[in-house]
């Protein structure tokens, strides 16, 4: 969609990587491979009420999206990580689904960018 708001900041992400577009694409490839499994694990950890694993999975997802300066997804993953540390996981399943949507949008936009470059 032409009017779709960017969910990541290409300029900042590339600057963080020294302008290395190839490294950016490599990190995008890692994201594409890793996030679906991590998201499934995060959901399972939440369903099992395993706060420690929610914290770990959310932290890993936060690291994955951090490469792209994807502020919304990073913030949601950070919130999930904090919820896991705090203990009771009420409302966590809804936050996971918000993160899932943010990750799908990020994937779409990263794939579009990588196809152009």
Protein backbone atom coordinates (compact mmCIF):
# COMPACT_ATOMS: atom_id res chain seq x y z
CA UNK A 1 0.00 0.00 0.00
CA UNK A 2 1.35 3.37 -0.95
CA UNK A 3 0.08 5.16 2.16
CA UNK A 4 1.24 2.49 4.60
CA UNK A 5 3.28 4.01 7.42
CA UNK A 6 6.79 2.59 7.76
CA UNK A 7 7.19 0.30 10.76
CA UNK A 8 10.97 0.56 10.73
CA UNK A 9 13.44 3.37 10.17
CA UNK A 10 15.71 2.43 7.30
CA UNK A 11 18.00 5.45 7.67
CA UNK A 12 18.66 4.82 11.37
CA UNK A 13 19.00 1.06 10.90
CA UNK A 14 21.52 1.47 8.09
CA UNK A 15 23.45 4.10 10.03
CA UNK A 16 23.71 1.68 12.95
CA UNK A 17 25.16 -0.88 10.50
CA UNK A 18 27.67 1.53 8.99
CA UNK A 19 25.57 1.85 5.84
CA UNK A 20 26.08 -1.83 5.00
CA UNK A 21 23.00 -2.77 2.95
CA UNK A 22 24.18 -6.36 2.58
CA UNK A 23 24.42 -6.76 6.35
CA UNK A 24 20.94 -5.24 6.62
CA UNK A 25 19.58 -7.85 4.18
CA UNK A 26 21.41 -10.62 6.06
CA UNK A 27 19.84 -9.49 9.34
CA UNK A 28 16.45 -9.34 7.63
CA UNK A 29 16.97 -12.95 6.52
CA UNK A 30 17.72 -13.99 10.09
CA UNK A 31 14.59 -12.16 11.22
CA UNK A 32 12.47 -13.95 8.57
CA UNK A 33 13.81 -17.34 9.71
CA UNK A 34 13.72 -16.83 13.47
CA UNK A 35 10.71 -14.74 14.39
CA UNK A 36 7.90 -17.20 13.52
CA UNK A 37 9.33 -19.94 15.76
CA UNK A 38 10.09 -17.51 18.56
CA UNK A 39 6.57 -16.13 18.35
CA UNK A 40 5.13 -19.66 18.57
CA UNK A 41 7.37 -20.37 21.57
CA UNK A 42 6.27 -17.11 23.19
CA UNK A 43 2.62 -18.07 22.75
CA UNK A 44 3.26 -21.54 24.20
CA UNK A 45 5.14 -20.07 27.16
CA UNK A 46 2.25 -17.73 27.86
CA UNK A 47 -0.29 -20.56 27.59
CA UNK A 48 1.82 -22.57 30.07
CA UNK A 49 2.04 -19.52 32.38
CA UNK A 50 5.84 -19.82 32.22
CA UNK A 51 6.87 -16.26 33.05
CA UNK A 52 10.59 -17.02 32.78
CA UNK A 53 10.22 -18.30 29.22
CA UNK A 54 7.94 -15.40 28.28
CA UNK A 55 10.74 -13.10 29.44
CA UNK A 56 13.39 -14.98 27.43
CA UNK A 57 11.38 -15.25 24.22
CA UNK A 58 10.27 -11.62 24.37
CA UNK A 59 13.89 -10.55 24.95
CA UNK A 60 15.06 -12.47 21.87
CA UNK A 61 12.30 -10.97 19.73
CA UNK A 62 13.19 -7.52 21.06
CA UNK A 63 16.76 -8.10 19.94
CA UNK A 64 15.68 -9.22 16.48
CA UNK A 65 13.57 -6.13 15.81
CA UNK A 66 16.12 -3.80 17.40
CA UNK A 67 18.32 -4.10 14.32
CA UNK A 68 15.67 -2.35 12.25
CA UNK A 69 14.70 0.49 14.56
CA UNK A 70 11.14 -0.91 14.58
CA UNK A 71 10.00 1.12 17.57
CA UNK A 72 6.45 -0.21 18.00
CA UNK A 73 7.47 -3.89 17.86
CA UNK A 74 10.49 -3.22 20.04
CA UNK A 75 8.30 -1.47 22.61
CA UNK A 76 5.74 -4.27 22.66
CA UNK A 77 8.46 -6.91 23.04
CA UNK A 78 10.01 -4.85 25.85
CA UNK A 79 6.61 -4.67 27.56
CA UNK A 80 6.20 -8.44 27.27
CA UNK A 81 9.66 -8.98 28.69
CA UNK A 82 8.78 -6.75 31.65
CA UNK A 83 5.47 -8.58 32.18
CA UNK A 84 7.35 -11.87 32.30
CA UNK A 85 9.72 -10.51 34.93
CA UNK A 86 6.86 -9.06 36.99
CA UNK A 87 5.11 -12.39 37.29
CA UNK A 88 1.39 -12.69 36.65
CA UNK A 89 0.77 -12.87 32.94
CA UNK A 90 -2.73 -11.35 32.75
CA UNK A 91 -3.20 -9.55 29.46
CA UNK A 92 -0.04 -11.04 28.02
CA UNK A 93 -1.84 -13.07 25.35
CA UNK A 94 -3.38 -9.89 23.92
CA UNK A 95 0.01 -8.18 23.91
CA UNK A 96 1.49 -11.18 22.10
CA UNK A 97 -1.12 -10.86 19.37
CA UNK A 98 -0.34 -7.14 19.06
CA UNK A 99 3.33 -8.06 18.69
CA UNK A 100 2.45 -10.74 16.12
CA UNK A 101 0.69 -8.15 13.96
CA UNK A 102 3.61 -5.74 14.31
CA UNK A 103 6.04 -8.50 13.31
CA UNK A 104 3.96 -9.40 10.25
CA UNK A 105 3.93 -5.75 9.18
CA UNK A 106 7.68 -5.51 9.74
CA UNK A 107 8.25 -8.68 7.73
CA UNK A 108 6.16 -7.33 4.85
CA UNK A 109 7.99 -4.02 4.74
CA UNK A 110 11.42 -5.62 5.09
CA UNK A 111 10.64 -8.02 2.26
CA UNK A 112 9.51 -5.10 0.09
CA UNK A 113 12.71 -3.20 0.86
CA UNK A 114 14.95 -6.22 0.23
CA UNK A 115 13.22 -6.92 -3.10
CA UNK A 116 14.02 -3.36 -4.25
CA UNK A 117 17.66 -3.32 -3.19
